[in-house]
Amino acid sequence: MARLILFNKPWGVLSQFTDRGTPAGSGGARATLSDYIDVPGVYPAGRLDRDSEGLLILTDDGALQARISSPRHKTPKTYLAQVEGEPDEAALEALRRGVTLNDGPTRPAAVRRIDPPTLWERDPPVRTRKSVPDNWLELTITEGRNRQVRRMTAAVGFPTLRLVRWRIGRWEIGDLGLGAWRDA
């Protein structure tokens, strides 16, 4: 039977078990999955950027890994995005239709404004500016391009300040603590 692990990835952690990109003499390796998960034979099903937080799925089943991460399977991924500014209905509608990025048009996203969610503290904290409000959006996409949600919100004029992946397909982070993992 396949092993499936849900992990709440902290900000600053690489979505891999080794840090192959640390330049020599830079002061040390960056945090990786091996700092949190000591389970042999599991690998991430997809990626989550170093500056993003939240749900990462790991499995020892290659077919399941491909099904979760491949854009052709259109697995929905839901994110909570803290954006700079106050998105109006036109911006939300543009995201719902799909926006054109430098690598082509995106598929439509499900998006809605939400109240600020109850989340763990982020280290380092998100920068805030007293003169510019921020708001939270819940976005669900069925692709997984590099930094896609950040690029989409920026394309409609509202840069992402904090990004938390909350759900992948039927799996949700729920009450899983920051840096913690559990078998699904």
N, C-alpha and C. Protein backbone atom coordinates (compact mmCIF):
# COMPACT_ATOMS: atom_id res chain seq x y z
N MET A 1 0.84 -1.18 0.00
CA MET A 1 0.00 0.00 0.00
C MET A 1 0.89 1.25 0.00
N ALA A 2 0.48 2.22 -0.77
CA ALA A 2 1.27 3.45 -0.90
C ALA A 2 1.27 4.25 0.39
N ARG A 3 2.39 4.85 0.68
CA ARG A 3 2.49 5.75 1.83
C ARG A 3 2.24 7.17 1.34
N LEU A 4 1.42 7.91 2.07
CA LEU A 4 1.10 9.28 1.71
C LEU A 4 1.23 10.12 2.97
N ILE A 5 2.07 11.14 2.90
CA ILE A 5 2.35 12.01 4.05
C ILE A 5 1.90 13.43 3.73
N LEU A 6 1.19 14.04 4.67
CA LEU A 6 0.83 15.45 4.58
C LEU A 6 1.79 16.22 5.48
N PHE A 7 2.41 17.26 4.93
CA PHE A 7 3.40 18.06 5.65
C PHE A 7 3.03 19.52 5.57
N ASN A 8 3.09 20.22 6.70
CA ASN A 8 2.84 21.66 6.74
C ASN A 8 4.20 22.35 6.65
N LYS A 9 4.59 22.70 5.43
CA LYS A 9 5.90 23.26 5.16
C LYS A 9 6.01 24.70 5.64
N PRO A 10 7.00 24.97 6.50
CA PRO A 10 7.22 26.36 6.92
C PRO A 10 7.83 27.22 5.81
N TRP A 11 7.71 28.52 5.96
CA TRP A 11 8.35 29.47 5.08
C TRP A 11 9.87 29.22 5.16
N GLY A 12 10.56 29.31 4.03
CA GLY A 12 12.01 29.20 4.00
C GLY A 12 12.54 27.79 3.83
N VAL A 13 11.67 26.79 3.80
CA VAL A 13 12.10 25.40 3.65
C VAL A 13 12.00 25.02 2.17
N LEU A 14 13.04 24.37 1.65
CA LEU A 14 13.03 23.89 0.27
C LEU A 14 12.18 22.63 0.17
N SER A 15 11.49 22.44 -0.94
CA SER A 15 10.65 21.27 -1.16
C SER A 15 11.46 20.11 -1.73
N GLN A 16 12.58 19.84 -1.11
CA GLN A 16 13.46 18.74 -1.50
C GLN A 16 14.24 18.32 -0.27
N PHE A 17 14.87 17.15 -0.35
CA PHE A 17 15.56 16.59 0.82
C PHE A 17 17.01 17.05 0.95
N THR A 18 17.61 17.57 -0.12
CA THR A 18 18.97 18.09 -0.04
C THR A 18 19.01 19.47 -0.66
N ASP A 19 19.99 20.25 -0.26
CA ASP A 19 20.15 21.60 -0.79
C ASP A 19 21.33 21.59 -1.76
N ARG A 20 21.01 21.40 -3.03
CA ARG A 20 22.06 21.35 -4.06
C ARG A 20 22.43 22.74 -4.55
N GLY A 21 21.72 23.78 -4.11
CA GLY A 21 21.95 25.10 -4.66
C GLY A 21 22.67 26.07 -3.76
N THR A 22 23.16 25.64 -2.61
CA THR A 22 23.84 26.56 -1.71
C THR A 22 25.25 26.81 -2.22
N PRO A 23 25.59 28.06 -2.51
CA PRO A 23 26.94 28.36 -2.98
C PRO A 23 27.97 28.10 -1.88
N ALA A 24 29.14 27.65 -2.28
CA ALA A 24 30.22 27.42 -1.32
C ALA A 24 30.55 28.72 -0.60
N GLY A 25 30.78 28.61 0.69
CA GLY A 25 31.15 29.79 1.47
C GLY A 25 30.00 30.72 1.80
N SER A 26 28.76 30.27 1.58
CA SER A 26 27.62 31.16 1.81
C SER A 26 27.11 31.12 3.25
N GLY A 27 27.72 30.30 4.07
CA GLY A 27 27.30 30.28 5.47
C GLY A 27 26.43 29.10 5.83
N GLY A 28 26.27 28.15 4.94
CA GLY A 28 25.54 26.94 5.32
C GLY A 28 24.37 26.65 4.43
N ALA A 29 23.86 25.45 4.61
CA ALA A 29 22.75 24.98 3.80
C ALA A 29 21.43 25.59 4.27
N ARG A 30 20.51 25.66 3.35
CA ARG A 30 19.15 26.11 3.67
C ARG A 30 18.35 24.93 4.23
N ALA A 31 17.27 25.23 4.92
CA ALA A 31 16.42 24.17 5.48
C ALA A 31 15.78 23.37 4.35
N THR A 32 15.71 22.06 4.54
CA THR A 32 15.11 21.16 3.55
C THR A 32 14.11 20.22 4.25
N LEU A 33 13.47 19.38 3.48
CA LEU A 33 12.53 18.41 4.03
C LEU A 33 13.20 17.48 5.02
N SER A 34 14.49 17.18 4.81
CA SER A 34 15.19 16.26 5.71
C SER A 34 15.33 16.83 7.13
N ASP A 35 15.15 18.13 7.30
CA ASP A 35 15.17 18.73 8.63
C ASP A 35 13.89 18.43 9.40
N TYR A 36 12.85 17.93 8.70
CA TYR A 36 11.55 17.71 9.31
C TYR A 36 11.04 16.28 9.19
N ILE A 37 11.41 15.61 8.11
CA ILE A 37 10.84 14.30 7.80
C ILE A 37 11.95 13.27 7.65
N ASP A 38 11.93 12.25 8.48
CA ASP A 38 12.92 11.18 8.42
C ASP A 38 12.21 9.87 8.05
N VAL A 39 11.69 9.85 6.82
CA VAL A 39 10.98 8.69 6.31
C VAL A 39 11.64 8.31 4.99
N PRO A 40 12.26 7.13 4.92
CA PRO A 40 12.93 6.75 3.68
C PRO A 40 11.95 6.45 2.56
N GLY A 41 12.34 6.79 1.33
CA GLY A 41 11.60 6.38 0.14
C GLY A 41 10.41 7.23 -0.24
N VAL A 42 10.17 8.35 0.44
CA VAL A 42 9.06 9.22 0.03
C VAL A 42 9.63 10.46 -0.65
N TYR A 43 8.85 10.98 -1.59
CA TYR A 43 9.28 12.15 -2.36
C TYR A 43 8.10 13.09 -2.52
N PRO A 44 8.39 14.40 -2.66
CA PRO A 44 7.29 15.36 -2.80
C PRO A 44 6.52 15.16 -4.10
N ALA A 45 5.21 15.27 -4.01
CA ALA A 45 4.34 15.25 -5.18
C ALA A 45 4.10 16.70 -5.55
N GLY A 46 4.98 17.26 -6.34
CA GLY A 46 4.93 18.67 -6.69
C GLY A 46 5.86 19.47 -5.80
N ARG A 47 5.81 20.77 -5.98
CA ARG A 47 6.71 21.64 -5.24
C ARG A 47 5.90 22.76 -4.57
N LEU A 48 6.53 23.39 -3.63
CA LEU A 48 5.99 24.58 -2.99
C LEU A 48 7.19 25.49 -2.80
N ASP A 49 7.13 26.68 -3.37
CA ASP A 49 8.27 27.60 -3.34
C ASP A 49 8.80 27.81 -1.93
N ARG A 50 10.07 28.12 -1.85
CA ARG A 50 10.73 28.36 -0.56
C ARG A 50 10.01 29.44 0.25
N ASP A 51 9.50 30.47 -0.43
CA ASP A 51 8.84 31.57 0.27
C ASP A 51 7.32 31.39 0.39
N SER A 52 6.85 30.17 0.17
CA SER A 52 5.45 29.83 0.38
C SER A 52 5.37 28.81 1.52
N GLU A 53 4.19 28.68 2.09
CA GLU A 53 3.98 27.81 3.24
C GLU A 53 2.83 26.87 2.95
N GLY A 54 2.69 25.87 3.83
CA GLY A 54 1.49 25.07 3.78
C GLY A 54 1.68 23.66 3.29
N LEU A 55 0.60 23.11 2.74
CA LEU A 55 0.50 21.69 2.45
C LEU A 55 1.44 21.24 1.34
N LEU A 56 2.21 20.22 1.68
CA LEU A 56 3.04 19.51 0.72
C LEU A 56 2.75 18.03 0.94
N ILE A 57 2.51 17.31 -0.15
CA ILE A 57 2.24 15.88 -0.06
C ILE A 57 3.49 15.13 -0.49
N LEU A 58 3.85 14.10 0.29
CA LEU A 58 4.96 13.23 -0.06
C LEU A 58 4.42 11.81 -0.16
N THR A 59 4.98 11.02 -1.09
CA THR A 59 4.53 9.65 -1.27
C THR A 59 5.66 8.78 -1.78
N ASP A 60 5.51 7.48 -1.62
CA ASP A 60 6.46 6.52 -2.18
C ASP A 60 5.90 5.89 -3.46
N ASP A 61 4.75 6.35 -3.92
CA ASP A 61 4.07 5.82 -5.11
C ASP A 61 4.29 6.78 -6.28
N GLY A 62 5.12 6.37 -7.23
CA GLY A 62 5.45 7.23 -8.37
C GLY A 62 4.24 7.61 -9.21
N ALA A 63 3.32 6.67 -9.43
CA ALA A 63 2.13 6.97 -10.22
C ALA A 63 1.25 7.99 -9.50
N LEU A 64 1.10 7.85 -8.19
CA LEU A 64 0.32 8.81 -7.42
C LEU A 64 1.01 10.17 -7.41
N GLN A 65 2.31 10.17 -7.29
CA GLN A 65 3.09 11.41 -7.32
C GLN A 65 2.83 12.15 -8.64
N ALA A 66 2.86 11.43 -9.75
CA ALA A 66 2.62 12.05 -11.06
C ALA A 66 1.19 12.55 -11.18
N ARG A 67 0.23 11.77 -10.68
CA ARG A 67 -1.17 12.16 -10.77
C ARG A 67 -1.45 13.44 -9.99
N ILE A 68 -0.82 13.58 -8.83
CA ILE A 68 -1.02 14.78 -8.01
C ILE A 68 -0.35 16.00 -8.64
N SER A 69 0.86 15.82 -9.16
CA SER A 69 1.65 16.98 -9.59
C SER A 69 1.50 17.36 -11.06
N SER A 70 1.10 16.46 -11.92
CA SER A 70 1.03 16.76 -13.34
C SER A 70 -0.15 17.66 -13.67
N PRO A 71 0.11 18.76 -14.40
CA PRO A 71 -0.99 19.66 -14.78
C PRO A 71 -2.06 18.98 -15.64
N ARG A 72 -1.69 17.92 -16.35
CA ARG A 72 -2.70 17.29 -17.23
C ARG A 72 -3.80 16.60 -16.44
N HIS A 73 -3.56 16.29 -15.17
CA HIS A 73 -4.59 15.67 -14.34
C HIS A 73 -5.49 16.71 -13.66
N LYS A 74 -5.10 17.97 -13.74
CA LYS A 74 -5.91 19.10 -13.25
C LYS A 74 -6.33 18.95 -11.78
N THR A 75 -5.42 18.45 -10.95
CA THR A 75 -5.71 18.34 -9.52
C THR A 75 -5.87 19.75 -8.94
N PRO A 76 -7.01 20.06 -8.34
CA PRO A 76 -7.18 21.40 -7.78
C PRO A 76 -6.28 21.63 -6.57
N LYS A 77 -5.70 22.82 -6.52
CA LYS A 77 -4.85 23.23 -5.40
C LYS A 77 -5.40 24.57 -4.90
N THR A 78 -5.71 24.62 -3.60
CA THR A 78 -6.30 25.82 -3.02
C THR A 78 -5.28 26.54 -2.16
N TYR A 79 -5.18 27.84 -2.37
CA TYR A 79 -4.23 28.68 -1.67
C TYR A 79 -4.96 29.80 -0.95
N LEU A 80 -4.40 30.21 0.19
CA LEU A 80 -4.82 31.42 0.89
C LEU A 80 -3.74 32.44 0.62
N ALA A 81 -4.12 33.55 0.00
CA ALA A 81 -3.14 34.55 -0.41
C ALA A 81 -3.45 35.89 0.25
N GLN A 82 -2.48 36.40 0.98
CA GLN A 82 -2.58 37.75 1.53
C GLN A 82 -2.00 38.67 0.46
N VAL A 83 -2.83 39.58 -0.04
CA VAL A 83 -2.39 40.46 -1.12
C VAL A 83 -2.35 41.90 -0.66
N GLU A 84 -1.49 42.65 -1.30
CA GLU A 84 -1.36 44.07 -1.01
C GLU A 84 -2.45 44.81 -1.77
N GLY A 85 -3.21 45.63 -1.06
CA GLY A 85 -4.28 46.40 -1.68
C GLY A 85 -5.64 45.76 -1.46
N GLU A 86 -6.64 46.34 -2.12
CA GLU A 86 -8.02 45.87 -1.99
C GLU A 86 -8.55 45.46 -3.35
N PRO A 87 -8.45 44.17 -3.70
CA PRO A 87 -8.92 43.72 -5.01
C PRO A 87 -10.40 44.02 -5.21
N ASP A 88 -10.70 44.63 -6.35
CA ASP A 88 -12.10 44.91 -6.66
C ASP A 88 -12.67 43.74 -7.46
N GLU A 89 -13.95 43.83 -7.78
CA GLU A 89 -14.62 42.74 -8.49
C GLU A 89 -14.02 42.53 -9.88
N ALA A 90 -13.55 43.58 -10.53
CA ALA A 90 -12.93 43.44 -11.85
C ALA A 90 -11.66 42.59 -11.77
N ALA A 91 -10.86 42.79 -10.74
CA ALA A 91 -9.64 42.00 -10.58
C ALA A 91 -9.98 40.54 -10.31
N LEU A 92 -10.97 40.31 -9.45
CA LEU A 92 -11.38 38.94 -9.16
C LEU A 92 -11.95 38.26 -10.40
N GLU A 93 -12.71 38.99 -11.17
CA GLU A 93 -13.28 38.42 -12.39
C GLU A 93 -12.19 38.08 -13.41
N ALA A 94 -11.15 38.90 -13.48
CA ALA A 94 -10.03 38.60 -14.38
C ALA A 94 -9.36 37.28 -13.97
N LEU A 95 -9.19 37.07 -12.68
CA LEU A 95 -8.61 35.80 -12.20
C LEU A 95 -9.54 34.63 -12.52
N ARG A 96 -10.84 34.86 -12.40
CA ARG A 96 -11.82 33.80 -12.70
C ARG A 96 -11.82 33.42 -14.17
N ARG A 97 -11.51 34.37 -15.04
CA ARG A 97 -11.45 34.09 -16.48
C ARG A 97 -10.10 33.51 -16.89
N GLY A 98 -9.07 33.76 -16.06
CA GLY A 98 -7.71 33.38 -16.43
C GLY A 98 -6.99 34.62 -16.91
N VAL A 99 -5.73 34.75 -16.55
CA VAL A 99 -4.95 35.91 -16.95
C VAL A 99 -3.80 35.45 -17.84
N THR A 100 -3.29 36.39 -18.63
CA THR A 100 -2.17 36.07 -19.49
C THR A 100 -0.87 36.44 -18.78
N LEU A 101 -0.01 35.46 -18.62
CA LEU A 101 1.31 35.65 -18.02
C LEU A 101 2.35 35.58 -19.13
N ASN A 102 3.61 35.80 -18.79
CA ASN A 102 4.64 35.79 -19.83
C ASN A 102 4.81 34.41 -20.48
N ASP A 103 4.33 33.35 -19.84
CA ASP A 103 4.40 32.01 -20.43
C ASP A 103 3.04 31.55 -20.95
N GLY A 104 2.13 32.49 -21.19
CA GLY A 104 0.84 32.16 -21.78
C GLY A 104 -0.32 32.33 -20.82
N PRO A 105 -1.54 32.12 -21.32
CA PRO A 105 -2.73 32.29 -20.49
C PRO A 105 -2.87 31.17 -19.46
N THR A 106 -3.41 31.51 -18.31
CA THR A 106 -3.67 30.52 -17.26
C THR A 106 -5.09 29.98 -17.45
N ARG A 107 -5.34 28.85 -16.85
CA ARG A 107 -6.70 28.36 -16.78
C ARG A 107 -7.46 29.25 -15.79
N PRO A 108 -8.77 29.30 -15.89
CA PRO A 108 -9.54 30.08 -14.92
C PRO A 108 -9.31 29.57 -13.50
N ALA A 109 -9.35 30.50 -12.55
CA ALA A 109 -9.20 30.17 -11.13
C ALA A 109 -10.52 30.44 -10.42
N ALA A 110 -10.81 29.63 -9.43
CA ALA A 110 -11.92 29.95 -8.52
C ALA A 110 -11.31 30.89 -7.48
N VAL A 111 -11.94 32.02 -7.25
CA VAL A 111 -11.38 32.99 -6.30
C VAL A 111 -12.48 33.72 -5.56
N ARG A 112 -12.20 33.99 -4.29
CA ARG A 112 -13.14 34.78 -3.49
C ARG A 112 -12.35 35.48 -2.39
N ARG A 113 -12.89 36.62 -1.96
CA ARG A 113 -12.33 37.31 -0.80
C ARG A 113 -12.71 36.54 0.45
N ILE A 114 -11.79 36.48 1.43
CA ILE A 114 -12.09 35.81 2.70
C ILE A 114 -11.62 36.69 3.85
N ASP A 115 -12.16 36.43 5.02
CA ASP A 115 -11.67 37.10 6.23
C ASP A 115 -10.26 36.59 6.51
N PRO A 116 -9.45 37.37 7.21
CA PRO A 116 -8.10 36.88 7.55
C PRO A 116 -8.20 35.54 8.28
N PRO A 117 -7.52 34.52 7.75
CA PRO A 117 -7.59 33.20 8.39
C PRO A 117 -6.78 33.16 9.68
N THR A 118 -7.11 32.21 10.54
CA THR A 118 -6.33 31.98 11.74
C THR A 118 -5.20 31.04 11.37
N LEU A 119 -4.00 31.57 11.30
CA LEU A 119 -2.82 30.80 10.90
C LEU A 119 -1.74 30.92 11.95
N TRP A 120 -0.73 30.12 11.84
CA TRP A 120 0.46 30.19 12.65
C TRP A 120 1.21 31.48 12.34
N GLU A 121 2.04 31.93 13.27
CA GLU A 121 2.88 33.09 13.03
C GLU A 121 3.93 32.74 11.99
N ARG A 122 4.23 33.66 11.12
CA ARG A 122 5.26 33.41 10.13
C ARG A 122 6.57 34.01 10.60
N ASP A 123 7.66 33.28 10.39
CA ASP A 123 8.99 33.76 10.73
C ASP A 123 9.85 33.70 9.48
N PRO A 124 10.20 34.88 8.93
CA PRO A 124 9.98 36.24 9.43
C PRO A 124 8.55 36.70 9.15
N PRO A 125 8.09 37.69 9.93
CA PRO A 125 6.74 38.21 9.71
C PRO A 125 6.60 38.85 8.33
N VAL A 126 5.38 38.91 7.85
CA VAL A 126 5.09 39.57 6.58
C VAL A 126 5.24 41.07 6.79
N ARG A 127 5.88 41.72 5.83
CA ARG A 127 6.01 43.18 5.93
C ARG A 127 4.65 43.82 5.71
N THR A 128 4.37 44.83 6.46
CA THR A 128 3.12 45.56 6.28
C THR A 128 3.43 47.04 6.18
N ARG A 129 2.54 47.73 5.48
CA ARG A 129 2.67 49.19 5.36
C ARG A 129 1.38 49.80 5.85
N LYS A 130 1.51 50.73 6.77
CA LYS A 130 0.31 51.34 7.35
C LYS A 130 -0.52 52.07 6.32
N SER A 131 0.11 52.56 5.25
CA SER A 131 -0.62 53.35 4.25
C SER A 131 -1.27 52.48 3.17
N VAL A 132 -0.96 51.17 3.15
CA VAL A 132 -1.52 50.29 2.12
C VAL A 132 -2.21 49.11 2.81
N PRO A 133 -3.52 48.96 2.60
CA PRO A 133 -4.21 47.84 3.24
C PRO A 133 -3.83 46.51 2.58
N ASP A 134 -4.13 45.43 3.28
CA ASP A 134 -3.97 44.13 2.66
C ASP A 134 -5.27 43.36 2.84
N ASN A 135 -5.48 42.37 1.99
CA ASN A 135 -6.68 41.55 2.02
C ASN A 135 -6.30 40.10 1.74
N TRP A 136 -7.20 39.19 2.09
CA TRP A 136 -6.97 37.76 1.87
C TRP A 136 -7.91 37.25 0.78
N LEU A 137 -7.35 36.40 -0.06
CA LEU A 137 -8.11 35.73 -1.11
C LEU A 137 -7.94 34.22 -0.95
N GLU A 138 -8.96 33.48 -1.33
CA GLU A 138 -8.83 32.03 -1.48
C GLU A 138 -8.89 31.77 -2.98
N LEU A 139 -7.83 31.16 -3.50
CA LEU A 139 -7.74 30.85 -4.93
C LEU A 139 -7.55 29.36 -5.12
N THR A 140 -8.26 28.80 -6.08
CA THR A 140 -8.08 27.40 -6.46
C THR A 140 -7.70 27.36 -7.92
N ILE A 141 -6.55 26.73 -8.18
CA ILE A 141 -6.06 26.59 -9.55
C ILE A 141 -5.94 25.11 -9.88
N THR A 142 -5.88 24.80 -11.18
CA THR A 142 -5.73 23.41 -11.61
C THR A 142 -4.46 23.22 -12.44
N GLU A 143 -3.56 24.17 -12.32
CA GLU A 143 -2.26 24.07 -12.95
C GLU A 143 -1.23 24.08 -11.84
N GLY A 144 0.01 24.25 -12.18
CA GLY A 144 1.03 24.35 -11.15
C GLY A 144 2.28 24.97 -11.72
N ARG A 145 2.12 26.05 -12.45
CA ARG A 145 3.28 26.72 -13.03
C ARG A 145 4.14 27.34 -11.93
N ASN A 146 5.36 27.62 -12.26
CA ASN A 146 6.29 28.25 -11.34
C ASN A 146 5.72 29.58 -10.84
N ARG A 147 5.56 29.68 -9.52
CA ARG A 147 5.09 30.90 -8.85
C ARG A 147 3.78 31.43 -9.45
N GLN A 148 2.92 30.52 -9.86
CA GLN A 148 1.72 30.90 -10.60
C GLN A 148 0.78 31.82 -9.83
N VAL A 149 0.43 31.49 -8.61
CA VAL A 149 -0.52 32.33 -7.88
C VAL A 149 0.06 33.73 -7.67
N ARG A 150 1.32 33.80 -7.30
CA ARG A 150 1.96 35.11 -7.11
C ARG A 150 1.93 35.92 -8.40
N ARG A 151 2.22 35.27 -9.51
CA ARG A 151 2.23 35.98 -10.80
C ARG A 151 0.82 36.38 -11.21
N MET A 152 -0.17 35.55 -10.90
CA MET A 152 -1.55 35.89 -11.26
C MET A 152 -2.05 37.10 -10.48
N THR A 153 -1.81 37.12 -9.15
CA THR A 153 -2.30 38.27 -8.37
C THR A 153 -1.56 39.54 -8.76
N ALA A 154 -0.28 39.42 -9.07
CA ALA A 154 0.48 40.59 -9.52
C ALA A 154 -0.04 41.09 -10.87
N ALA A 155 -0.44 40.17 -11.75
CA ALA A 155 -0.93 40.55 -13.08
C ALA A 155 -2.20 41.38 -13.01
N VAL A 156 -2.98 41.21 -11.93
CA VAL A 156 -4.20 42.01 -11.78
C VAL A 156 -3.98 43.18 -10.81
N GLY A 157 -2.71 43.43 -10.45
CA GLY A 157 -2.38 44.63 -9.68
C GLY A 157 -2.32 44.46 -8.17
N PHE A 158 -2.30 43.22 -7.66
CA PHE A 158 -2.32 43.00 -6.22
C PHE A 158 -1.27 41.97 -5.84
N PRO A 159 -0.03 42.42 -5.59
CA PRO A 159 1.05 41.48 -5.27
C PRO A 159 0.77 40.66 -4.02
N THR A 160 1.20 39.41 -4.04
CA THR A 160 1.03 38.52 -2.91
C THR A 160 2.10 38.78 -1.87
N LEU A 161 1.68 38.95 -0.62
CA LEU A 161 2.58 39.14 0.51
C LEU A 161 2.87 37.83 1.23
N ARG A 162 1.85 37.00 1.34
CA ARG A 162 1.99 35.70 2.02
C ARG A 162 1.13 34.69 1.26
N LEU A 163 1.68 33.49 1.06
CA LEU A 163 0.97 32.47 0.31
C LEU A 163 1.02 31.15 1.06
N VAL A 164 -0.17 30.60 1.35
CA VAL A 164 -0.30 29.36 2.10
C VAL A 164 -1.14 28.38 1.27
N ARG A 165 -0.53 27.23 0.92
CA ARG A 165 -1.34 26.21 0.23
C ARG A 165 -2.13 25.46 1.29
N TRP A 166 -3.45 25.45 1.12
CA TRP A 166 -4.33 24.89 2.13
C TRP A 166 -4.85 23.49 1.75
N ARG A 167 -5.00 23.25 0.45
CA ARG A 167 -5.62 22.00 0.01
C ARG A 167 -5.02 21.56 -1.33
N ILE A 168 -4.87 20.24 -1.48
CA ILE A 168 -4.48 19.63 -2.75
C ILE A 168 -5.47 18.50 -2.98
N GLY A 169 -6.30 18.63 -4.02
CA GLY A 169 -7.32 17.61 -4.26
C GLY A 169 -8.19 17.44 -3.04
N ARG A 170 -8.27 16.21 -2.51
CA ARG A 170 -9.12 15.93 -1.35
C ARG A 170 -8.38 16.08 -0.02
N TRP A 171 -7.08 16.38 -0.06
CA TRP A 171 -6.29 16.50 1.16
C TRP A 171 -6.19 17.95 1.60
N GLU A 172 -6.42 18.20 2.90
CA GLU A 172 -6.40 19.55 3.44
C GLU A 172 -5.47 19.60 4.65
N ILE A 173 -4.88 20.77 4.87
CA ILE A 173 -3.93 20.93 5.97
C ILE A 173 -4.63 20.83 7.33
N GLY A 174 -5.87 21.33 7.41
CA GLY A 174 -6.64 21.23 8.65
C GLY A 174 -5.88 21.78 9.85
N ASP A 175 -5.77 20.98 10.91
CA ASP A 175 -5.12 21.43 12.14
C ASP A 175 -3.66 20.98 12.23
N LEU A 176 -3.06 20.58 11.13
CA LEU A 176 -1.67 20.14 11.12
C LEU A 176 -0.76 21.33 11.46
N GLY A 177 0.00 21.21 12.52
CA GLY A 177 0.86 22.30 12.99
C GLY A 177 2.01 22.60 12.04
N LEU A 178 2.52 23.78 12.12
CA LEU A 178 3.64 24.22 11.27
C LEU A 178 4.85 23.32 11.51
N GLY A 179 5.41 22.77 10.42
CA GLY A 179 6.57 21.90 10.51
C GLY A 179 6.23 20.47 10.88
N ALA A 180 4.95 20.17 11.06
CA ALA A 180 4.51 18.83 11.44
C ALA A 180 4.06 18.05 10.21
N TRP A 181 4.06 16.72 10.35
CA TRP A 181 3.56 15.86 9.28
C TRP A 181 2.76 14.72 9.89
N ARG A 182 1.94 14.12 9.05
CA ARG A 182 1.17 12.94 9.46
C ARG A 182 0.88 12.10 8.22
N ASP A 183 0.64 10.82 8.46
CA ASP A 183 0.22 9.95 7.38
C ASP A 183 -1.24 10.26 7.05
N ALA A 184 -1.55 10.24 5.77
CA ALA A 184 -2.92 10.52 5.33
C ALA A 184 -3.73 9.25 5.29
